[in-house]
Amino acid sequence: MQVVTLFAPELFHRVETMVYFLAIGEVCRVRVATRFDGNETTEHPWALRRMREFGGVEITHCDEPTESDVLVFQLVRHGRIPNELDPWRARAQSAAYLRPSEGPASWGDWWRETIRSFPHYLRARKITLRPYIHPGLFANPKWRQSSFEPIDVDAPRRWRIGFLGNRQPPERTARLVECRKALVGVDRVQWHEYGDGASNGRRGIAPMEYITALSEMDFCISPPGWSWYTHRTIEALVRGSIPIIEDPEVYGLALRDNETCIIARSDNWGATVQRALKMSEADIRRMRRSVIALRERQLLPQRAIEHFRSQLFPGRNCLVCEAETR
């Protein structure tokens, strides 16, 4: 069985998602080369803990290189690629790389990334990973199954619109303030906001409650947060909730205004919320059908996994049993 190593001294959500995609179908041995310590303010220690609990993944220190059939690494936008990559690359039969995904890149970002990552991307093929649900939801079988349960497009929903998540950073807080103003006096609103400055000292919503709430909302307000991309948008889509977003391009899913999402500009979130509230039930059901069709084509686990593996193993059939992924 081939060995795929993901070189990731610092663990991020994309790396963790790739690990689960590879491990579920058991078509290769999965190894993660990383550091065992990590700053508690980053995602690293939590991702490491989840992978260990998930099982079926070999985790080794990034300064102990061994042979691999395929080595996957990520290019950098800030800083430089760690020196530990070189001996791993020398022991790999082939290599593939991911580009950074944090925020919309300018040409200046692109040139800096190209210079800082030189020459590591030479003789390595580029692969892409579509945005996906939070790896914490995907790693847990119960939460994964609930996230991808079938959806009745015509079933009435309890909430017309809502927001679930952290109010930070300040840029998101400003957008949420505009949304709240537009929702004054509106019924059927589900709002669970937490983080610095939130009222009543609220904390994050429990995973099963979160999935249930998304399943009961017509529209999910999903402004950008610490990065331009947010998992909430994908999680809304997989539960048939129409996301209200600012930049559809960052998701790579060909999201279209008034079809699979509602698009807002940074200065008109309030007006966009009002536009959504004025939509008829017939239009909401029409959009929900489009959202569910998108989900079936690209976001169901077996579809997403096969898309990733087709890039990692060109020309190789990657049959994933639906029971394993759902």
Protein backbone atom coordinates (compact mmCIF):
# COMPACT_ATOMS: atom_id res chain seq x y z
CA MET A 1 0.00 0.00 0.00
CA GLN A 2 1.33 3.42 -0.94
CA VAL A 3 2.44 5.84 1.76
CA VAL A 4 1.26 9.46 1.55
CA THR A 5 3.00 11.88 3.89
CA LEU A 6 1.58 15.29 4.67
CA PHE A 7 4.45 17.54 5.71
CA ALA A 8 2.89 20.02 8.13
CA PRO A 9 5.08 21.35 10.97
CA GLU A 10 2.10 23.58 11.82
CA LEU A 11 -1.31 21.93 11.55
CA PHE A 12 -4.15 23.80 9.89
CA HIS A 13 -7.72 22.84 9.08
CA ARG A 14 -6.94 22.06 5.44
CA VAL A 15 -4.17 19.61 6.38
CA GLU A 16 -6.39 17.93 8.96
CA THR A 17 -9.23 17.59 6.44
CA MET A 18 -6.85 16.00 3.91
CA VAL A 19 -5.80 13.48 6.55
CA TYR A 20 -9.41 12.37 7.11
CA PHE A 21 -10.13 12.25 3.38
CA LEU A 22 -7.21 9.86 2.89
CA ALA A 23 -7.78 7.77 6.00
CA ILE A 24 -11.48 7.02 5.60
CA GLY A 25 -11.22 5.00 2.36
CA GLU A 26 -8.04 3.17 3.43
CA VAL A 27 -6.53 3.27 -0.07
CA CYS A 28 -3.13 4.36 1.25
CA ARG A 29 -1.15 4.62 4.44
CA VAL A 30 -1.43 8.12 5.84
CA ARG A 31 1.42 9.79 7.65
CA VAL A 32 1.60 13.30 9.10
CA ALA A 33 5.02 14.87 9.68
CA THR A 34 4.55 17.61 12.25
CA ARG A 35 5.74 19.05 15.54
CA PHE A 36 4.47 17.57 18.76
CA ASP A 37 4.38 20.84 20.67
CA GLY A 38 2.22 23.78 19.69
CA ASN A 39 0.99 27.16 20.75
CA GLU A 40 -2.35 26.79 22.53
CA THR A 41 -3.63 29.91 20.78
CA THR A 42 -3.30 28.18 17.38
CA GLU A 43 -5.22 25.27 15.88
CA HIS A 44 -2.19 22.97 16.03
CA PRO A 45 -2.70 21.19 19.41
CA TRP A 46 -6.42 20.69 18.82
CA ALA A 47 -5.87 19.25 15.34
CA LEU A 48 -3.17 16.93 16.69
CA ARG A 49 -5.48 15.69 19.43
CA ARG A 50 -8.36 15.08 17.01
CA MET A 51 -6.14 13.11 14.62
CA ARG A 52 -4.88 10.90 17.42
CA GLU A 53 -8.43 10.21 18.55
CA PHE A 54 -9.51 9.56 14.96
CA GLY A 55 -6.98 6.73 14.59
CA GLY A 56 -5.55 5.07 11.50
CA VAL A 57 -3.01 7.86 10.99
CA GLU A 58 0.74 7.61 11.57
CA ILE A 59 2.01 10.76 13.25
CA THR A 60 5.75 11.38 13.26
CA HIS A 61 8.02 14.31 14.07
CA CYS A 62 8.93 16.49 11.11
CA ASP A 63 12.67 16.21 11.85
CA GLU A 64 12.64 12.39 11.43
CA PRO A 65 12.33 11.90 7.64
CA THR A 66 11.44 8.52 6.16
CA GLU A 67 10.47 7.24 2.72
CA SER A 68 7.15 8.18 1.10
CA ASP A 69 5.47 7.42 -2.19
CA VAL A 70 3.84 10.86 -2.26
CA LEU A 71 4.82 13.89 -0.19
CA VAL A 72 2.28 16.71 0.15
CA PHE A 73 3.33 20.12 1.46
CA GLN A 74 1.95 23.66 1.49
CA LEU A 75 3.56 26.73 -0.01
CA VAL A 76 3.96 29.79 2.20
CA ARG A 77 2.85 33.41 2.00
CA HIS A 78 4.68 34.65 5.08
CA GLY A 79 8.09 33.49 6.29
CA ARG A 80 9.86 30.58 4.57
CA ILE A 81 9.30 26.86 4.11
CA PRO A 82 10.95 25.00 7.02
CA ASN A 83 14.34 23.42 6.31
CA GLU A 84 13.01 20.05 7.46
CA LEU A 85 11.15 19.70 4.16
CA ASP A 86 14.31 19.03 2.13
CA PRO A 87 15.18 15.59 3.59
CA TRP A 88 11.53 14.51 3.35
CA ARG A 89 11.46 15.60 -0.30
CA ALA A 90 14.69 13.68 -1.00
CA ARG A 91 13.11 10.47 0.32
CA ALA A 92 9.81 10.80 -1.59
CA GLN A 93 9.02 9.21 -4.95
CA SER A 94 6.86 12.19 -5.96
CA ALA A 95 5.63 15.45 -4.49
CA ALA A 96 2.54 17.65 -4.61
CA TYR A 97 1.83 21.04 -3.12
CA LEU A 98 -1.05 23.21 -1.97
CA ARG A 99 -1.15 26.98 -2.21
CA PRO A 100 -2.03 29.03 0.87
CA SER A 101 -5.72 29.86 1.18
CA GLU A 102 -5.87 32.56 3.85
CA GLY A 103 -7.51 35.64 2.40
CA PRO A 104 -7.81 36.98 -1.15
CA ALA A 105 -4.33 37.03 -2.75
CA SER A 106 -3.08 40.02 -4.71
CA TRP A 107 -0.41 39.85 -7.40
CA GLY A 108 2.01 41.06 -4.74
CA ASP A 109 1.03 38.13 -2.51
CA TRP A 110 1.47 35.77 -5.43
CA TRP A 111 5.00 37.01 -6.17
CA ARG A 112 6.03 36.87 -2.51
CA GLU A 113 4.65 33.36 -2.24
CA THR A 114 6.50 32.30 -5.40
CA ILE A 115 9.82 33.73 -4.19
CA ARG A 116 9.59 32.43 -0.64
CA SER A 117 8.60 28.92 -1.75
CA PHE A 118 11.28 28.62 -4.46
CA PRO A 119 12.47 26.05 -5.50
CA HIS A 120 10.32 23.59 -3.57
CA TYR A 121 7.40 23.64 -6.01
CA LEU A 122 9.62 22.63 -8.94
CA ARG A 123 8.87 19.07 -10.14
CA ALA A 124 5.86 18.93 -7.83
CA ARG A 125 2.29 18.93 -9.09
CA LYS A 126 -0.28 21.37 -7.79
CA ILE A 127 -3.37 20.04 -6.04
CA THR A 128 -6.38 21.88 -4.71
CA LEU A 129 -8.69 21.21 -1.80
CA ARG A 130 -12.13 22.74 -1.84
CA PRO A 131 -13.33 24.42 1.36
CA TYR A 132 -15.13 21.95 3.57
CA ILE A 133 -16.92 21.61 6.88
CA HIS A 134 -14.86 22.07 10.03
CA PRO A 135 -12.60 19.02 10.50
CA GLY A 136 -13.88 18.67 14.06
CA LEU A 137 -17.33 17.90 12.65
CA PHE A 138 -15.95 15.61 9.97
CA ALA A 139 -13.72 13.58 12.32
CA ASN A 140 -16.59 12.68 14.65
CA PRO A 141 -18.75 9.94 13.03
CA LYS A 142 -21.97 11.05 14.75
CA TRP A 143 -21.52 14.71 13.84
CA ARG A 144 -20.49 13.81 10.28
CA GLN A 145 -23.57 11.64 9.80
CA SER A 146 -25.86 14.35 11.16
CA SER A 147 -24.25 16.99 8.94
CA PHE A 148 -24.97 15.00 5.78
CA GLU A 149 -28.40 13.58 6.56
CA PRO A 150 -30.93 13.86 3.67
CA ILE A 151 -32.85 17.14 3.39
CA ASP A 152 -36.53 17.60 2.59
CA VAL A 153 -36.54 20.64 0.34
CA ASP A 154 -40.24 21.42 0.93
CA ALA A 155 -40.26 21.00 4.71
CA PRO A 156 -40.97 24.31 6.54
CA ARG A 157 -38.12 25.64 8.65
CA ARG A 158 -38.39 27.01 12.15
CA TRP A 159 -36.14 30.03 11.62
CA ARG A 160 -36.25 32.51 8.74
CA ILE A 161 -32.70 33.74 9.30
CA GLY A 162 -29.90 33.52 11.83
CA PHE A 163 -26.27 33.74 12.84
CA LEU A 164 -24.27 31.18 14.83
CA GLY A 165 -20.69 31.93 15.80
CA ASN A 166 -18.00 34.18 17.17
CA ARG A 167 -18.58 37.91 16.74
CA GLN A 168 -14.84 38.55 16.37
CA PRO A 169 -12.80 39.89 14.65
CA PRO A 170 -13.93 43.55 14.72
CA GLU A 171 -14.61 43.54 10.96
CA ARG A 172 -17.17 40.78 11.44
CA THR A 173 -18.63 42.53 14.50
CA ALA A 174 -19.31 45.64 12.39
CA ARG A 175 -21.16 43.58 9.78
CA LEU A 176 -23.20 41.81 12.46
CA VAL A 177 -24.22 45.15 13.98
CA GLU A 178 -25.71 46.13 10.62
CA CYS A 179 -27.51 42.79 10.38
CA ARG A 180 -28.97 43.15 13.87
CA LYS A 181 -30.33 46.61 12.99
CA ALA A 182 -32.06 45.13 9.94
CA LEU A 183 -33.63 42.39 12.09
CA VAL A 184 -35.29 44.64 14.68
CA GLY A 185 -38.92 43.55 15.01
CA VAL A 186 -38.43 40.48 12.78
CA ASP A 187 -39.81 37.15 14.01
CA ARG A 188 -38.24 33.72 13.57
CA VAL A 189 -34.64 34.80 14.10
CA GLN A 190 -32.05 32.40 15.56
CA TRP A 191 -29.05 34.33 16.92
CA HIS A 192 -26.22 32.79 18.92
CA GLU A 193 -23.33 35.24 19.09
CA TYR A 194 -20.35 34.77 21.39
CA GLY A 195 -16.81 36.06 21.82
CA ASP A 196 -15.33 39.24 23.30
CA GLY A 197 -18.05 41.81 23.92
CA ALA A 198 -20.96 39.41 23.45
CA SER A 199 -23.90 39.85 25.81
CA ASN A 200 -24.53 37.44 28.70
CA GLY A 201 -21.03 35.92 28.42
CA ARG A 202 -22.22 33.38 25.87
CA ARG A 203 -19.99 30.57 24.67
CA GLY A 204 -19.96 28.54 21.47
CA ILE A 205 -22.95 26.38 20.64
CA ALA A 206 -22.61 22.58 21.02
CA PRO A 207 -21.96 20.70 17.72
CA MET A 208 -25.27 18.82 17.55
CA GLU A 209 -27.22 21.97 18.45
CA TYR A 210 -25.28 23.84 15.78
CA ILE A 211 -26.11 21.26 13.09
CA THR A 212 -29.77 21.22 14.12
CA ALA A 213 -30.01 25.01 14.08
CA LEU A 214 -28.54 25.20 10.56
CA SER A 215 -31.04 22.56 9.46
CA GLU A 216 -33.89 24.77 10.69
CA MET A 217 -32.81 28.09 9.11
CA ASP A 218 -33.78 29.43 5.70
CA PHE A 219 -30.84 31.86 5.59
CA CYS A 220 -27.52 31.74 7.44
CA ILE A 221 -25.59 34.99 7.88
CA SER A 222 -21.93 34.15 7.23
CA PRO A 223 -19.61 37.19 7.15
CA PRO A 224 -15.84 36.69 6.84
CA GLY A 225 -13.89 36.26 10.05
CA TRP A 226 -10.23 35.79 10.87
CA SER A 227 -9.72 34.61 7.31
CA TRP A 228 -11.81 35.52 4.28
CA TYR A 229 -13.12 31.96 4.15
CA THR A 230 -15.31 30.59 6.94
CA HIS A 231 -16.46 26.99 7.54
CA ARG A 232 -19.94 28.24 8.44
CA THR A 233 -20.77 28.84 4.78
CA ILE A 234 -20.06 25.22 3.83
CA GLU A 235 -21.85 23.89 6.90
CA ALA A 236 -24.90 25.95 5.97
CA LEU A 237 -24.84 24.56 2.42
CA VAL A 238 -24.66 20.93 3.55
CA ARG A 239 -27.74 21.50 5.73
CA GLY A 240 -29.72 23.28 3.00
CA SER A 241 -29.47 26.73 4.59
CA ILE A 242 -28.87 29.55 2.10
CA PRO A 243 -25.69 31.42 3.11
CA ILE A 244 -25.40 35.20 3.03
CA ILE A 245 -21.76 35.88 2.14
CA GLU A 246 -19.46 38.61 0.89
CA ASP A 247 -17.03 36.95 -1.53
CA PRO A 248 -18.20 33.75 -3.28
CA GLU A 249 -14.90 33.29 -5.13
CA VAL A 250 -12.97 32.12 -2.05
CA TYR A 251 -15.04 28.92 -1.85
CA GLY A 252 -14.32 27.59 -5.33
CA LEU A 253 -17.88 26.27 -5.65
CA ALA A 254 -19.24 28.61 -8.35
CA LEU A 255 -21.71 30.12 -5.86
CA ARG A 256 -24.17 32.47 -7.56
CA ASP A 257 -26.23 35.28 -6.13
CA ASN A 258 -29.96 34.51 -5.85
CA GLU A 259 -29.27 30.89 -6.80
CA THR A 260 -27.04 29.21 -4.21
CA CYS A 261 -26.28 32.19 -1.96
CA ILE A 262 -27.06 35.83 -1.26
CA ILE A 263 -24.10 38.15 -1.85
CA ALA A 264 -23.49 41.26 0.25
CA ARG A 265 -20.94 44.03 -0.08
CA SER A 266 -18.94 45.09 2.95
CA ASP A 267 -21.05 48.25 3.29
CA ASN A 268 -24.55 46.84 2.70
CA TRP A 269 -25.05 43.83 4.97
CA GLY A 270 -28.18 45.37 6.47
CA ALA A 271 -29.74 45.95 3.05
CA THR A 272 -28.81 42.43 1.98
CA VAL A 273 -30.50 40.92 5.03
CA GLN A 274 -33.64 42.90 4.19
CA ARG A 275 -33.48 41.59 0.61
CA ALA A 276 -33.40 38.03 1.91
CA LEU A 277 -36.33 38.65 4.26
CA LYS A 278 -38.47 39.90 1.36
CA MET A 279 -38.05 36.71 -0.66
CA SER A 280 -41.15 34.60 -1.14
CA GLU A 281 -41.46 31.03 0.12
CA ALA A 282 -41.44 29.86 -3.49
CA ASP A 283 -38.12 31.63 -4.14
CA ILE A 284 -36.62 30.21 -0.95
CA ARG A 285 -37.59 26.67 -1.98
CA ARG A 286 -36.14 27.31 -5.45
CA MET A 287 -32.84 28.40 -3.94
CA ARG A 288 -32.83 25.52 -1.50
CA ARG A 289 -33.17 23.09 -4.41
CA SER A 290 -30.12 24.69 -6.00
CA VAL A 291 -28.19 24.50 -2.72
CA ILE A 292 -29.04 20.83 -2.29
CA ALA A 293 -28.05 20.09 -5.90
CA LEU A 294 -24.67 21.75 -5.23
CA ARG A 295 -24.28 19.72 -2.07
CA GLU A 296 -25.03 16.47 -3.92
CA ARG A 297 -22.53 17.27 -6.70
CA GLN A 298 -19.59 18.52 -4.66
CA LEU A 299 -19.98 18.43 -0.89
CA LEU A 300 -21.15 14.96 0.07
CA PRO A 301 -18.15 13.21 1.64
CA GLN A 302 -17.66 10.63 -1.10
CA ARG A 303 -17.74 13.34 -3.78
CA ALA A 304 -15.24 15.58 -1.97
CA ILE A 305 -12.93 12.67 -1.15
CA GLU A 306 -12.91 11.35 -4.70
CA HIS A 307 -12.17 14.83 -6.07
CA PHE A 308 -9.13 15.15 -3.82
CA ARG A 309 -7.85 11.65 -4.47
CA SER A 310 -8.22 11.98 -8.23
CA GLN A 311 -5.61 14.75 -8.02
CA LEU A 312 -3.36 12.88 -5.63
CA PHE A 313 -3.50 9.61 -7.61
CA PRO A 314 -4.11 10.60 -11.26
CA GLY A 315 -5.66 7.81 -13.29
CA ARG A 316 -6.41 5.68 -10.26
CA ASN A 317 -9.97 4.74 -9.36
CA CYS A 318 -10.85 5.83 -5.84
CA LEU A 319 -14.05 4.06 -4.91
CA VAL A 320 -15.35 5.17 -1.53
CA CYS A 321 -18.18 3.29 0.07
CA GLU A 322 -21.02 5.61 1.02
CA ALA A 323 -21.43 3.81 4.33
CA GLU A 324 -17.83 4.66 5.24
CA THR A 325 -18.25 8.37 4.57
CA ARG A 326 -21.76 8.95 5.82
